[in-house]
């Protein structure tokens, strides 16, 4: 099984609503986004996923989020701007961008060192 990981990052702010706690103050992060691809085979050139294609797709998706309030970003419309929701929305956007047959397995969002949320594809 092959695995390819492609990362990008962007800087944005958010205020997360946590039940039974006051609304967080607006704060910012240098978010790291990691897309993970898995599959059994490489092509004749020995390539499983084209890094450049994925990098361009990720940049197109995260660029509108850069230097914004994630709570006001169209990608996060109607959602609490948590890292978990962000990972799911980025997964869905990347799958739409690259096509449903892409071997995208997961998207992880690092909000701060040691604080990572992810969305993993389900085969259900």
PDB file of N, CA and C in Angstrom:
ATOM      1  N   UNK A   1       0.852  -1.179   0.000  1.00  0.00           N
ATOM      2  CA  UNK A   1       0.000   0.000   0.000  1.00  0.00           C
ATOM      3  C   UNK A   1       0.892   1.235   0.000  1.00  0.00           C
ATOM      4  N   UNK A   2       0.590   2.163  -0.893  1.00  0.00           N
ATOM      5  CA  UNK A   2       1.323   3.427  -0.960  1.00  0.00           C
ATOM      6  C   UNK A   2       0.551   4.500  -0.211  1.00  0.00           C
ATOM      7  N   UNK A   3       1.310   5.442   0.330  1.00  0.00           N
ATOM      8  CA  UNK A   3       0.700   6.601   0.976  1.00  0.00           C
ATOM      9  C   UNK A   3       1.484   7.837   0.567  1.00  0.00           C
ATOM     10  N   UNK A   4       0.755   8.862   0.178  1.00  0.00           N
ATOM     11  CA  UNK A   4       1.342  10.151  -0.176  1.00  0.00           C
ATOM     12  C   UNK A   4       0.651  11.210   0.668  1.00  0.00           C
ATOM     13  N   UNK A   5       1.445  12.123   1.211  1.00  0.00           N
ATOM     14  CA  UNK A   5       0.911  13.218   2.019  1.00  0.00           C
ATOM     15  C   UNK A   5       1.373  14.529   1.420  1.00  0.00           C
ATOM     16  N   UNK A   6       0.450  15.458   1.288  1.00  0.00           N
ATOM     17  CA  UNK A   6       0.755  16.777   0.744  1.00  0.00           C
ATOM     18  C   UNK A   6       0.242  17.808   1.747  1.00  0.00           C
ATOM     19  N   UNK A   7       1.098  18.769   2.090  1.00  0.00           N
ATOM     20  CA  UNK A   7       0.747  19.776   3.079  1.00  0.00           C
ATOM     21  C   UNK A   7       0.761  21.181   2.484  1.00  0.00           C
ATOM     22  N   UNK A   8      -0.054  22.015   3.081  1.00  0.00           N
ATOM     23  CA  UNK A   8      -0.009  23.447   2.836  1.00  0.00           C
ATOM     24  C   UNK A   8      -0.367  24.118   4.158  1.00  0.00           C
ATOM     25  N   UNK A   9      -0.295  25.420   4.193  1.00  0.00           N
ATOM     26  CA  UNK A   9      -0.688  26.122   5.411  1.00  0.00           C
ATOM     27  C   UNK A   9      -1.327  27.459   5.047  1.00  0.00           C
ATOM     28  N   UNK A  10      -2.074  27.990   5.988  1.00  0.00           N
ATOM     29  CA  UNK A  10      -2.662  29.320   5.836  1.00  0.00           C
ATOM     30  C   UNK A  10      -2.887  29.902   7.218  1.00  0.00           C
ATOM     31  N   UNK A  11      -2.976  31.196   7.266  1.00  0.00           N
ATOM     32  CA  UNK A  11      -3.142  31.937   8.510  1.00  0.00           C
ATOM     33  C   UNK A  11      -4.566  32.463   8.552  1.00  0.00           C
ATOM     34  N   UNK A  12      -5.292  32.169   9.638  1.00  0.00           N
ATOM     35  CA  UNK A  12      -6.677  32.637   9.772  1.00  0.00           C
ATOM     36  C   UNK A  12      -7.042  32.725  11.251  1.00  0.00           C
ATOM     37  N   UNK A  13      -8.167  33.358  11.499  1.00  0.00           N
ATOM     38  CA  UNK A  13      -8.676  33.517  12.861  1.00  0.00           C
ATOM     39  C   UNK A  13     -10.013  32.789  12.993  1.00  0.00           C
ATOM     40  N   UNK A  14     -10.379  32.498  14.240  1.00  0.00           N
ATOM     41  CA  UNK A  14     -11.710  31.935  14.502  1.00  0.00           C
ATOM     42  C   UNK A  14     -12.085  32.126  15.967  1.00  0.00           C
ATOM     43  N   UNK A  15     -13.368  31.932  16.225  1.00  0.00           N
ATOM     44  CA  UNK A  15     -13.945  31.921  17.577  1.00  0.00           C
ATOM     45  C   UNK A  15     -14.780  30.658  17.648  1.00  0.00           C
ATOM     46  N   UNK A  16     -14.388  29.716  18.455  1.00  0.00           N
ATOM     47  CA  UNK A  16     -15.089  28.440  18.537  1.00  0.00           C
ATOM     48  C   UNK A  16     -16.081  28.474  19.693  1.00  0.00           C
ATOM     49  N   UNK A  17     -17.296  28.009  19.403  1.00  0.00           N
ATOM     50  CA  UNK A  17     -18.329  27.895  20.429  1.00  0.00           C
ATOM     51  C   UNK A  17     -18.220  26.514  21.059  1.00  0.00           C
ATOM     52  N   UNK A  18     -17.957  26.491  22.374  1.00  0.00           N
ATOM     53  CA  UNK A  18     -17.846  25.233  23.114  1.00  0.00           C
ATOM     54  C   UNK A  18     -18.998  25.199  24.109  1.00  0.00           C
ATOM     55  N   UNK A  19     -19.809  24.132  24.089  1.00  0.00           N
ATOM     56  CA  UNK A  19     -20.969  24.078  24.983  1.00  0.00           C
ATOM     57  C   UNK A  19     -20.595  24.333  26.446  1.00  0.00           C
ATOM     58  N   UNK A  20     -21.462  25.079  27.118  1.00  0.00           N
ATOM     59  CA  UNK A  20     -21.342  25.382  28.544  1.00  0.00           C
ATOM     60  C   UNK A  20     -20.096  26.201  28.888  1.00  0.00           C
ATOM     61  N   UNK A  21     -19.564  26.915  27.890  1.00  0.00           N
ATOM     62  CA  UNK A  21     -18.431  27.811  28.124  1.00  0.00           C
ATOM     63  C   UNK A  21     -18.682  29.109  27.376  1.00  0.00           C
ATOM     64  N   UNK A  22     -18.091  30.196  27.836  1.00  0.00           N
ATOM     65  CA  UNK A  22     -18.243  31.451  27.088  1.00  0.00           C
ATOM     66  C   UNK A  22     -17.618  31.304  25.694  1.00  0.00           C
ATOM     67  N   UNK A  23     -18.135  32.075  24.772  1.00  0.00           N
ATOM     68  CA  UNK A  23     -17.575  32.082  23.418  1.00  0.00           C
ATOM     69  C   UNK A  23     -16.106  32.474  23.496  1.00  0.00           C
ATOM     70  N   UNK A  24     -15.282  31.697  22.816  1.00  0.00           N
ATOM     71  CA  UNK A  24     -13.852  32.008  22.808  1.00  0.00           C
ATOM     72  C   UNK A  24     -13.612  33.402  22.229  1.00  0.00           C
ATOM     73  N   UNK A  25     -12.566  34.030  22.680  1.00  0.00           N
ATOM     74  CA  UNK A  25     -12.134  35.285  22.065  1.00  0.00           C
ATOM     75  C   UNK A  25     -11.602  34.969  20.671  1.00  0.00           C
ATOM     76  N   UNK A  26     -11.716  35.932  19.777  1.00  0.00           N
ATOM     77  CA  UNK A  26     -11.143  35.762  18.443  1.00  0.00           C
ATOM     78  C   UNK A  26      -9.640  35.552  18.598  1.00  0.00           C
ATOM     79  N   UNK A  27      -9.140  34.508  17.946  1.00  0.00           N
ATOM     80  CA  UNK A  27      -7.702  34.227  17.996  1.00  0.00           C
ATOM     81  C   UNK A  27      -7.290  33.613  16.664  1.00  0.00           C
ATOM     82  N   UNK A  28      -6.005  33.638  16.408  1.00  0.00           N
ATOM     83  CA  UNK A  28      -5.554  33.170  15.092  1.00  0.00           C
ATOM     84  C   UNK A  28      -4.565  32.019  15.211  1.00  0.00           C
ATOM     85  N   UNK A  29      -4.403  31.347  14.075  1.00  0.00           N
ATOM     86  CA  UNK A  29      -3.504  30.203  13.970  1.00  0.00           C
ATOM     87  C   UNK A  29      -2.841  30.214  12.601  1.00  0.00           C
ATOM     88  N   UNK A  30      -1.703  29.586  12.548  1.00  0.00           N
ATOM     89  CA  UNK A  30      -1.093  29.232  11.269  1.00  0.00           C
ATOM     90  C   UNK A  30      -1.488  27.771  11.051  1.00  0.00           C
ATOM     91  N   UNK A  31      -2.635  27.568  10.405  1.00  0.00           N
ATOM     92  CA  UNK A  31      -3.177  26.225  10.199  1.00  0.00           C
ATOM     93  C   UNK A  31      -2.318  25.456   9.188  1.00  0.00           C
ATOM     94  N   UNK A  32      -2.051  24.194   9.488  1.00  0.00           N
ATOM     95  CA  UNK A  32      -1.385  23.297   8.546  1.00  0.00           C
ATOM     96  C   UNK A  32      -2.432  22.283   8.090  1.00  0.00           C
ATOM     97  N   UNK A  33      -2.547  22.135   6.786  1.00  0.00           N
ATOM     98  CA  UNK A  33      -3.504  21.195   6.194  1.00  0.00           C
ATOM     99  C   UNK A  33      -2.709  20.094   5.521  1.00  0.00           C
ATOM    100  N   UNK A  34      -3.050  18.864   5.838  1.00  0.00           N
ATOM    101  CA  UNK A  34      -2.368  17.709   5.244  1.00  0.00           C
ATOM    102  C   UNK A  34      -3.395  16.796   4.595  1.00  0.00           C
ATOM    103  N   UNK A  35      -3.235  16.574   3.296  1.00  0.00           N
ATOM    104  CA  UNK A  35      -4.084  15.644   2.555  1.00  0.00           C
ATOM    105  C   UNK A  35      -3.332  14.323   2.434  1.00  0.00           C
ATOM    106  N   UNK A  36      -4.010  13.225   2.730  1.00  0.00           N
ATOM    107  CA  UNK A  36      -3.401  11.896   2.715  1.00  0.00           C
ATOM    108  C   UNK A  36      -4.097  11.046   1.651  1.00  0.00           C
ATOM    109  N   UNK A  37      -3.283  10.443   0.801  1.00  0.00           N
ATOM    110  CA  UNK A  37      -3.780   9.581  -0.277  1.00  0.00           C
ATOM    111  C   UNK A  37      -3.221   8.184  -0.054  1.00  0.00           C
ATOM    112  N   UNK A  38      -4.071   7.150  -0.245  1.00  0.00           N
ATOM    113  CA  UNK A  38      -3.621   5.765  -0.074  1.00  0.00           C
ATOM    114  C   UNK A  38      -4.141   4.899  -1.214  1.00  0.00           C
ATOM    115  N   UNK A  39      -3.299   3.963  -1.630  1.00  0.00           N
ATOM    116  CA  UNK A  39      -3.709   3.035  -2.672  1.00  0.00           C
ATOM    117  C   UNK A  39      -2.647   1.988  -2.945  1.00  0.00           C
ATOM    118  N   UNK A  40      -3.017   0.944  -3.673  1.00  0.00           N
ATOM    119  CA  UNK A  40      -2.125  -0.208  -3.844  1.00  0.00           C
ATOM    120  C   UNK A  40      -1.086  -0.088  -4.947  1.00  0.00           C
ATOM    121  N   UNK A  41      -1.258   0.806  -5.907  1.00  0.00           N
ATOM    122  CA  UNK A  41      -0.400   0.781  -7.081  1.00  0.00           C
ATOM    123  C   UNK A  41       0.116   2.153  -7.478  1.00  0.00           C
ATOM    124  N   UNK A  42       1.283   2.146  -8.139  1.00  0.00           N
ATOM    125  CA  UNK A  42       1.818   3.337  -8.787  1.00  0.00           C
ATOM    126  C   UNK A  42       1.663   3.153 -10.290  1.00  0.00           C
ATOM    127  N   UNK A  43       1.804   4.242 -11.045  1.00  0.00           N
ATOM    128  CA  UNK A  43       1.709   4.137 -12.507  1.00  0.00           C
ATOM    129  C   UNK A  43       3.038   3.664 -13.085  1.00  0.00           C
ATOM    130  N   UNK A  44       3.123   3.630 -14.394  1.00  0.00           N
ATOM    131  CA  UNK A  44       4.332   3.148 -15.066  1.00  0.00           C
ATOM    132  C   UNK A  44       5.561   3.999 -14.753  1.00  0.00           C
ATOM    133  N   UNK A  45       5.349   5.245 -14.364  1.00  0.00           N
ATOM    134  CA  UNK A  45       6.455   6.130 -14.007  1.00  0.00           C
ATOM    135  C   UNK A  45       6.841   5.990 -12.533  1.00  0.00           C
ATOM    136  N   UNK A  46       6.105   5.144 -11.798  1.00  0.00           N
ATOM    137  CA  UNK A  46       6.379   4.975 -10.377  1.00  0.00           C
ATOM    138  C   UNK A  46       5.742   6.032  -9.507  1.00  0.00           C
ATOM    139  N   UNK A  47       4.686   6.669 -10.024  1.00  0.00           N
ATOM    140  CA  UNK A  47       4.019   7.748  -9.294  1.00  0.00           C
ATOM    141  C   UNK A  47       2.607   7.309  -8.894  1.00  0.00           C
ATOM    142  N   UNK A  48       2.281   7.570  -7.650  1.00  0.00           N
ATOM    143  CA  UNK A  48       0.947   7.255  -7.147  1.00  0.00           C
ATOM    144  C   UNK A  48       0.025   8.469  -7.253  1.00  0.00           C
ATOM    145  N   UNK A  49       0.496   9.620  -6.765  1.00  0.00           N
ATOM    146  CA  UNK A  49      -0.262  10.875  -6.812  1.00  0.00           C
ATOM    147  C   UNK A  49       0.701  11.973  -7.249  1.00  0.00           C
ATOM    148  N   UNK A  50       0.255  12.826  -8.126  1.00  0.00           N
ATOM    149  CA  UNK A  50       1.077  13.943  -8.596  1.00  0.00           C
ATOM    150  C   UNK A  50       1.066  15.050  -7.537  1.00  0.00           C
ATOM    151  N   UNK A  51       2.218  15.242  -6.893  1.00  0.00           N
ATOM    152  CA  UNK A  51       2.322  16.262  -5.846  1.00  0.00           C
ATOM    153  C   UNK A  51       1.871  17.629  -6.347  1.00  0.00           C
ATOM    154  N   UNK A  52       2.299  18.010  -7.537  1.00  0.00           N
ATOM    155  CA  UNK A  52       1.998  19.355  -8.056  1.00  0.00           C
ATOM    156  C   UNK A  52       0.499  19.565  -8.243  1.00  0.00           C
ATOM    157  N   UNK A  53      -0.194  18.562  -8.748  1.00  0.00           N
ATOM    158  CA  UNK A  53      -1.646  18.666  -8.933  1.00  0.00           C
ATOM    159  C   UNK A  53      -2.339  18.877  -7.594  1.00  0.00           C
ATOM    160  N   UNK A  54      -1.941  18.115  -6.590  1.00  0.00           N
ATOM    161  CA  UNK A  54      -2.560  18.233  -5.267  1.00  0.00           C
ATOM    162  C   UNK A  54      -2.207  19.566  -4.625  1.00  0.00           C
ATOM    163  N   UNK A  55      -0.947  19.984  -4.750  1.00  0.00           N
ATOM    164  CA  UNK A  55      -0.552  21.281  -4.185  1.00  0.00           C
ATOM    165  C   UNK A  55      -1.381  22.417  -4.767  1.00  0.00           C
ATOM    166  N   UNK A  56      -1.563  22.414  -6.089  1.00  0.00           N
ATOM    167  CA  UNK A  56      -2.364  23.475  -6.719  1.00  0.00           C
ATOM    168  C   UNK A  56      -3.811  23.429  -6.231  1.00  0.00           C
ATOM    169  N   UNK A  57      -4.374  22.244  -6.135  1.00  0.00           N
ATOM    170  CA  UNK A  57      -5.762  22.110  -5.663  1.00  0.00           C
ATOM    171  C   UNK A  57      -5.903  22.609  -4.228  1.00  0.00           C
ATOM    172  N   UNK A  58      -4.992  22.208  -3.374  1.00  0.00           N
ATOM    173  CA  UNK A  58      -5.043  22.668  -1.983  1.00  0.00           C
ATOM    174  C   UNK A  58      -4.915  24.181  -1.889  1.00  0.00           C
ATOM    175  N   UNK A  59      -4.012  24.770  -2.665  1.00  0.00           N
ATOM    176  CA  UNK A  59      -3.845  26.222  -2.635  1.00  0.00           C
ATOM    177  C   UNK A  59      -5.126  26.931  -3.082  1.00  0.00           C
ATOM    178  N   UNK A  60      -5.760  26.420  -4.138  1.00  0.00           N
ATOM    179  CA  UNK A  60      -7.022  27.037  -4.602  1.00  0.00           C
ATOM    180  C   UNK A  60      -8.097  26.988  -3.513  1.00  0.00           C
ATOM    181  N   UNK A  61      -8.109  25.918  -2.747  1.00  0.00           N
ATOM    182  CA  UNK A  61      -9.130  25.752  -1.704  1.00  0.00           C
ATOM    183  C   UNK A  61      -8.836  26.614  -0.486  1.00  0.00           C
ATOM    184  N   UNK A  62      -7.583  26.659  -0.038  1.00  0.00           N
ATOM    185  CA  UNK A  62      -7.284  27.391   1.203  1.00  0.00           C
ATOM    186  C   UNK A  62      -7.024  28.881   0.984  1.00  0.00           C
ATOM    187  N   UNK A  63      -6.701  29.285  -0.233  1.00  0.00           N
ATOM    188  CA  UNK A  63      -6.403  30.708  -0.464  1.00  0.00           C
ATOM    189  C   UNK A  63      -7.542  31.635  -0.016  1.00  0.00           C
ATOM    190  N   UNK A  64      -8.815  31.299  -0.305  1.00  0.00           N
ATOM    191  CA  UNK A  64      -9.895  32.189   0.163  1.00  0.00           C
ATOM    192  C   UNK A  64     -10.034  32.233   1.691  1.00  0.00           C
ATOM    193  N   UNK A  65      -9.418  31.280   2.399  1.00  0.00           N
ATOM    194  CA  UNK A  65      -9.484  31.253   3.864  1.00  0.00           C
ATOM    195  C   UNK A  65      -8.367  32.065   4.504  1.00  0.00           C
ATOM    196  N   UNK A  66      -7.328  32.346   3.753  1.00  0.00           N
ATOM    197  CA  UNK A  66      -6.148  33.006   4.288  1.00  0.00           C
ATOM    198  C   UNK A  66      -6.472  34.431   4.744  1.00  0.00           C
ATOM    199  N   UNK A  67      -6.012  34.743   5.941  1.00  0.00           N
ATOM    200  CA  UNK A  67      -6.207  36.074   6.540  1.00  0.00           C
ATOM    201  C   UNK A  67      -7.676  36.434   6.708  1.00  0.00           C
ATOM    202  N   UNK A  68      -8.491  35.455   7.042  1.00  0.00           N
ATOM    203  CA  UNK A  68      -9.919  35.700   7.258  1.00  0.00           C
ATOM    204  C   UNK A  68     -10.348  35.214   8.633  1.00  0.00           C
ATOM    205  N   UNK A  69     -11.585  35.530   8.971  1.00  0.00           N
ATOM    206  CA  UNK A  69     -12.290  34.935  10.103  1.00  0.00           C
ATOM    207  C   UNK A  69     -12.989  33.699   9.546  1.00  0.00           C
ATOM    208  N   UNK A  70     -12.580  32.515   9.978  1.00  0.00           N
ATOM    209  CA  UNK A  70     -13.169  31.289   9.437  1.00  0.00           C
ATOM    210  C   UNK A  70     -14.676  31.218   9.653  1.00  0.00           C
ATOM    211  N   UNK A  71     -15.157  31.843  10.707  1.00  0.00           N
ATOM    212  CA  UNK A  71     -16.594  31.842  10.963  1.00  0.00           C
ATOM    213  C   UNK A  71     -17.383  32.585   9.907  1.00  0.00           C
ATOM    214  N   UNK A  72     -16.733  33.465   9.161  1.00  0.00           N
ATOM    215  CA  UNK A  72     -17.400  34.235   8.102  1.00  0.00           C
ATOM    216  C   UNK A  72     -17.079  33.697   6.710  1.00  0.00           C
ATOM    217  N   UNK A  73     -16.257  32.664   6.630  1.00  0.00           N
ATOM    218  CA  UNK A  73     -15.850  32.120   5.330  1.00  0.00           C
ATOM    219  C   UNK A  73     -16.965  31.277   4.719  1.00  0.00           C
ATOM    220  N   UNK A  74     -17.257  31.445   3.434  1.00  0.00           N
ATOM    221  CA  UNK A  74     -18.297  30.647   2.784  1.00  0.00           C
ATOM    222  C   UNK A  74     -18.097  29.133   2.950  1.00  0.00           C
ATOM    223  N   UNK A  75     -16.851  28.668   2.945  1.00  0.00           N
ATOM    224  CA  UNK A  75     -16.589  27.235   3.104  1.00  0.00           C
ATOM    225  C   UNK A  75     -17.126  26.699   4.431  1.00  0.00           C
ATOM    226  N   UNK A  76     -17.181  27.559   5.439  1.00  0.00           N
ATOM    227  CA  UNK A  76     -17.608  27.143   6.776  1.00  0.00           C
ATOM    228  C   UNK A  76     -19.029  27.598   7.107  1.00  0.00           C
ATOM    229  N   UNK A  77     -19.774  28.027   6.111  1.00  0.00           N
ATOM    230  CA  UNK A  77     -21.119  28.574   6.326  1.00  0.00           C
ATOM    231  C   UNK A  77     -21.978  27.642   7.178  1.00  0.00           C
ATOM    232  N   UNK A  78     -22.543  28.214   8.232  1.00  0.00           N
ATOM    233  CA  UNK A  78     -23.471  27.481   9.086  1.00  0.00           C
ATOM    234  C   UNK A  78     -22.820  26.560  10.099  1.00  0.00           C
ATOM    235  N   UNK A  79     -21.488  26.545  10.153  1.00  0.00           N
ATOM    236  CA  UNK A  79     -20.800  25.634  11.068  1.00  0.00           C
ATOM    237  C   UNK A  79     -20.004  26.390  12.119  1.00  0.00           C
ATOM    238  N   UNK A  80     -19.872  25.778  13.279  1.00  0.00           N
ATOM    239  CA  UNK A  80     -18.928  26.237  14.275  1.00  0.00           C
ATOM    240  C   UNK A  80     -17.537  26.042  13.657  1.00  0.00           C
ATOM    241  N   UNK A  81     -16.684  27.072  13.606  1.00  0.00           N
ATOM    242  CA  UNK A  81     -15.422  26.961  12.879  1.00  0.00           C
ATOM    243  C   UNK A  81     -14.329  26.188  13.636  1.00  0.00           C
ATOM    244  N   UNK A  82     -14.661  24.987  14.051  1.00  0.00           N
ATOM    245  CA  UNK A  82     -13.705  24.127  14.745  1.00  0.00           C
ATOM    246  C   UNK A  82     -12.746  23.488  13.743  1.00  0.00           C
ATOM    247  N   UNK A  83     -11.634  22.992  14.228  1.00  0.00           N
ATOM    248  CA  UNK A  83     -10.676  22.287  13.368  1.00  0.00           C
ATOM    249  C   UNK A  83     -11.312  21.031  12.771  1.00  0.00           C
ATOM    250  N   UNK A  84     -12.198  20.399  13.523  1.00  0.00           N
ATOM    251  CA  UNK A  84     -12.882  19.199  13.029  1.00  0.00           C
ATOM    252  C   UNK A  84     -13.765  19.523  11.821  1.00  0.00           C
ATOM    253  N   UNK A  85     -14.573  20.578  11.955  1.00  0.00           N
ATOM    254  CA  UNK A  85     -15.414  20.981  10.821  1.00  0.00           C
ATOM    255  C   UNK A  85     -14.561  21.436   9.645  1.00  0.00           C
ATOM    256  N   UNK A  86     -13.478  22.140   9.925  1.00  0.00           N
ATOM    257  CA  UNK A  86     -12.597  22.594   8.858  1.00  0.00           C
ATOM    258  C   UNK A  86     -11.999  21.403   8.107  1.00  0.00           C
ATOM    259  N   UNK A  87     -11.567  20.379   8.823  1.00  0.00           N
ATOM    260  CA  UNK A  87     -11.003  19.188   8.173  1.00  0.00           C
ATOM    261  C   UNK A  87     -12.029  18.532   7.250  1.00  0.00           C
ATOM    262  N   UNK A  88     -13.276  18.417   7.704  1.00  0.00           N
ATOM    263  CA  UNK A  88     -14.320  17.798   6.880  1.00  0.00           C
ATOM    264  C   UNK A  88     -14.603  18.636   5.634  1.00  0.00           C
ATOM    265  N   UNK A  89     -14.751  19.940   5.806  1.00  0.00           N
ATOM    266  CA  UNK A  89     -15.032  20.801   4.658  1.00  0.00           C
ATOM    267  C   UNK A  89     -13.882  20.801   3.654  1.00  0.00           C
ATOM    268  N   UNK A  90     -12.639  20.787   4.144  1.00  0.00           N
ATOM    269  CA  UNK A  90     -11.489  20.738   3.244  1.00  0.00           C
ATOM    270  C   UNK A  90     -11.425  19.393   2.515  1.00  0.00           C
ATOM    271  N   UNK A  91     -11.749  18.321   3.221  1.00  0.00           N
ATOM    272  CA  UNK A  91     -11.800  16.994   2.586  1.00  0.00           C
ATOM    273  C   UNK A  91     -12.809  17.004   1.438  1.00  0.00           C
ATOM    274  N   UNK A  92     -14.017  17.473   1.727  1.00  0.00           N
ATOM    275  CA  UNK A  92     -15.071  17.495   0.703  1.00  0.00           C
ATOM    276  C   UNK A  92     -14.681  18.374  -0.482  1.00  0.00           C
ATOM    277  N   UNK A  93     -14.087  19.540  -0.208  1.00  0.00           N
ATOM    278  CA  UNK A  93     -13.691  20.457  -1.282  1.00  0.00           C
ATOM    279  C   UNK A  93     -12.571  19.849  -2.135  1.00  0.00           C
ATOM    280  N   UNK A  94     -11.624  19.170  -1.497  1.00  0.00           N
ATOM    281  CA  UNK A  94     -10.522  18.557  -2.245  1.00  0.00           C
ATOM    282  C   UNK A  94     -11.025  17.389  -3.083  1.00  0.00           C
ATOM    283  N   UNK A  95     -11.932  16.607  -2.548  1.00  0.00           N
ATOM    284  CA  UNK A  95     -12.515  15.505  -3.306  1.00  0.00           C
ATOM    285  C   UNK A  95     -13.286  16.033  -4.514  1.00  0.00           C
ATOM    286  N   UNK A  96     -14.011  17.119  -4.338  1.00  0.00           N
ATOM    287  CA  UNK A  96     -14.730  17.746  -5.445  1.00  0.00           C
ATOM    288  C   UNK A  96     -13.752  18.282  -6.495  1.00  0.00           C
ATOM    289  N   UNK A  97     -12.677  18.887  -6.039  1.00  0.00           N
ATOM    290  CA  UNK A  97     -11.671  19.466  -6.935  1.00  0.00           C
ATOM    291  C   UNK A  97     -10.930  18.397  -7.742  1.00  0.00           C
ATOM    292  N   UNK A  98     -10.582  17.289  -7.094  1.00  0.00           N
ATOM    293  CA  UNK A  98      -9.771  16.260  -7.746  1.00  0.00           C
ATOM    294  C   UNK A  98     -10.591  15.148  -8.394  1.00  0.00           C
ATOM    295  N   UNK A  99     -11.862  15.049  -8.038  1.00  0.00           N
ATOM    296  CA  UNK A  99     -12.729  14.032  -8.617  1.00  0.00           C
ATOM    297  C   UNK A  99     -12.996  12.901  -7.641  1.00  0.00           C
ATOM    298  N   UNK A 100     -14.165  12.272  -7.770  1.00  0.00           N
ATOM    299  CA  UNK A 100     -14.594  11.260  -6.801  1.00  0.00           C
ATOM    300  C   UNK A 100     -13.738   9.993  -6.794  1.00  0.00           C
ATOM    301  N   UNK A 101     -12.992   9.750  -7.858  1.00  0.00           N
ATOM    302  CA  UNK A 101     -12.165   8.540  -7.910  1.00  0.00           C
ATOM    303  C   UNK A 101     -10.765   8.743  -7.347  1.00  0.00           C
ATOM    304  N   UNK A 102     -10.472   9.952  -6.894  1.00  0.00           N
ATOM    305  CA  UNK A 102      -9.147  10.194  -6.319  1.00  0.00           C
ATOM    306  C   UNK A 102      -8.994   9.362  -5.044  1.00  0.00           C
ATOM    307  N   UNK A 103      -7.801   8.844  -4.773  1.00  0.00           N
ATOM    308  CA  UNK A 103      -7.613   7.996  -3.588  1.00  0.00           C
ATOM    309  C   UNK A 103      -7.391   8.795  -2.296  1.00  0.00           C
ATOM    310  N   UNK A 104      -8.115   9.902  -2.144  1.00  0.00           N
ATOM    311  CA  UNK A 104      -8.015  10.712  -0.932  1.00  0.00           C
ATOM    312  C   UNK A 104      -8.523   9.908   0.250  1.00  0.00           C
ATOM    313  N   UNK A 105      -7.667   9.720   1.240  1.00  0.00           N
ATOM    314  CA  UNK A 105      -8.027   8.920   2.413  1.00  0.00           C
ATOM    315  C   UNK A 105      -8.403   9.776   3.609  1.00  0.00           C
ATOM    316  N   UNK A 106      -7.765  10.944   3.747  1.00  0.00           N
ATOM    317  CA  UNK A 106      -8.003  11.768   4.929  1.00  0.00           C
ATOM    318  C   UNK A 106      -7.472  13.179   4.697  1.00  0.00           C
ATOM    319  N   UNK A 107      -7.997  14.095   5.495  1.00  0.00           N
ATOM    320  CA  UNK A 107      -7.445  15.447   5.585  1.00  0.00           C
ATOM    321  C   UNK A 107      -7.295  15.755   7.067  1.00  0.00           C
ATOM    322  N   UNK A 108      -6.104  16.228   7.424  1.00  0.00           N
ATOM    323  CA  UNK A 108      -5.804  16.607   8.796  1.00  0.00           C
ATOM    324  C   UNK A 108      -5.522  18.103   8.862  1.00  0.00           C
ATOM    325  N   UNK A 109      -5.992  18.731   9.930  1.00  0.00           N
ATOM    326  CA  UNK A 109      -5.755  20.149  10.175  1.00  0.00           C
ATOM    327  C   UNK A 109      -5.042  20.279  11.509  1.00  0.00           C
ATOM    328  N   UNK A 110      -3.854  20.870  11.476  1.00  0.00           N
ATOM    329  CA  UNK A 110      -3.117  21.171  12.696  1.00  0.00           C
ATOM    330  C   UNK A 110      -3.391  22.626  13.035  1.00  0.00           C
ATOM    331  N   UNK A 111      -3.998  22.817  14.196  1.00  0.00           N
ATOM    332  CA  UNK A 111      -4.359  24.156  14.643  1.00  0.00           C
ATOM    333  C   UNK A 111      -3.209  24.788  15.425  1.00  0.00           C
ATOM    334  N   UNK A 112      -2.524  23.965  16.177  1.00  0.00           N
ATOM    335  CA  UNK A 112      -1.377  24.390  16.974  1.00  0.00           C
ATOM    336  C   UNK A 112      -0.514  23.145  17.176  1.00  0.00           C
ATOM    337  N   UNK A 113       0.749  23.307  17.517  1.00  0.00           N
ATOM    338  CA  UNK A 113       1.583  22.121  17.707  1.00  0.00           C
ATOM    339  C   UNK A 113       0.931  21.125  18.669  1.00  0.00           C
ATOM    340  N   UNK A 114       0.790  19.899  18.207  1.00  0.00           N
ATOM    341  CA  UNK A 114       0.189  18.849  19.028  1.00  0.00           C
ATOM    342  C   UNK A 114      -1.326  18.818  19.010  1.00  0.00           C
ATOM    343  N   UNK A 115      -1.980  19.729  18.303  1.00  0.00           N
ATOM    344  CA  UNK A 115      -3.448  19.792  18.245  1.00  0.00           C
ATOM    345  C   UNK A 115      -3.894  19.575  16.806  1.00  0.00           C
ATOM    346  N   UNK A 116      -4.288  18.342  16.505  1.00  0.00           N
ATOM    347  CA  UNK A 116      -4.613  17.946  15.133  1.00  0.00           C
ATOM    348  C   UNK A 116      -6.006  17.340  15.101  1.00  0.00           C
ATOM    349  N   UNK A 117      -6.800  17.766  14.132  1.00  0.00           N
ATOM    350  CA  UNK A 117      -8.123  17.180  13.901  1.00  0.00           C
ATOM    351  C   UNK A 117      -8.134  16.664  12.467  1.00  0.00           C
ATOM    352  N   UNK A 118      -8.868  15.589  12.244  1.00  0.00           N
ATOM    353  CA  UNK A 118      -8.905  15.027  10.891  1.00  0.00           C
ATOM    354  C   UNK A 118     -10.264  14.514  10.511  1.00  0.00           C
ATOM    355  N   UNK A 119     -10.420  14.370   9.211  1.00  0.00           N
ATOM    356  CA  UNK A 119     -11.595  13.692   8.664  1.00  0.00           C
ATOM    357  C   UNK A 119     -11.067  12.562   7.786  1.00  0.00           C
ATOM    358  N   UNK A 120     -11.527  11.353   8.068  1.00  0.00           N
ATOM    359  CA  UNK A 120     -11.060  10.159   7.377  1.00  0.00           C
ATOM    360  C   UNK A 120     -12.193   9.581   6.557  1.00  0.00           C
ATOM    361  N   UNK A 121     -11.885   9.274   5.303  1.00  0.00           N
ATOM    362  CA  UNK A 121     -12.882   8.717   4.386  1.00  0.00           C
ATOM    363  C   UNK A 121     -13.430   7.414   4.946  1.00  0.00           C
ATOM    364  N   UNK A 122     -14.737   7.276   4.869  1.00  0.00           N
ATOM    365  CA  UNK A 122     -15.402   6.053   5.283  1.00  0.00           C
ATOM    366  C   UNK A 122     -15.804   5.284   4.037  1.00  0.00           C
ATOM    367  N   UNK A 123     -15.623   3.993   4.040  1.00  0.00           N
ATOM    368  CA  UNK A 123     -16.001   3.168   2.890  1.00  0.00           C
ATOM    369  C   UNK A 123     -17.439   2.682   2.981  1.00  0.00           C
ATOM    370  N   UNK A 124     -18.186   3.216   3.932  1.00  0.00           N
ATOM    371  CA  UNK A 124     -19.601   2.808   4.091  1.00  0.00           C
ATOM    372  C   UNK A 124     -20.438   3.258   2.935  1.00  0.00           C
TER     373      UNK A 124
END
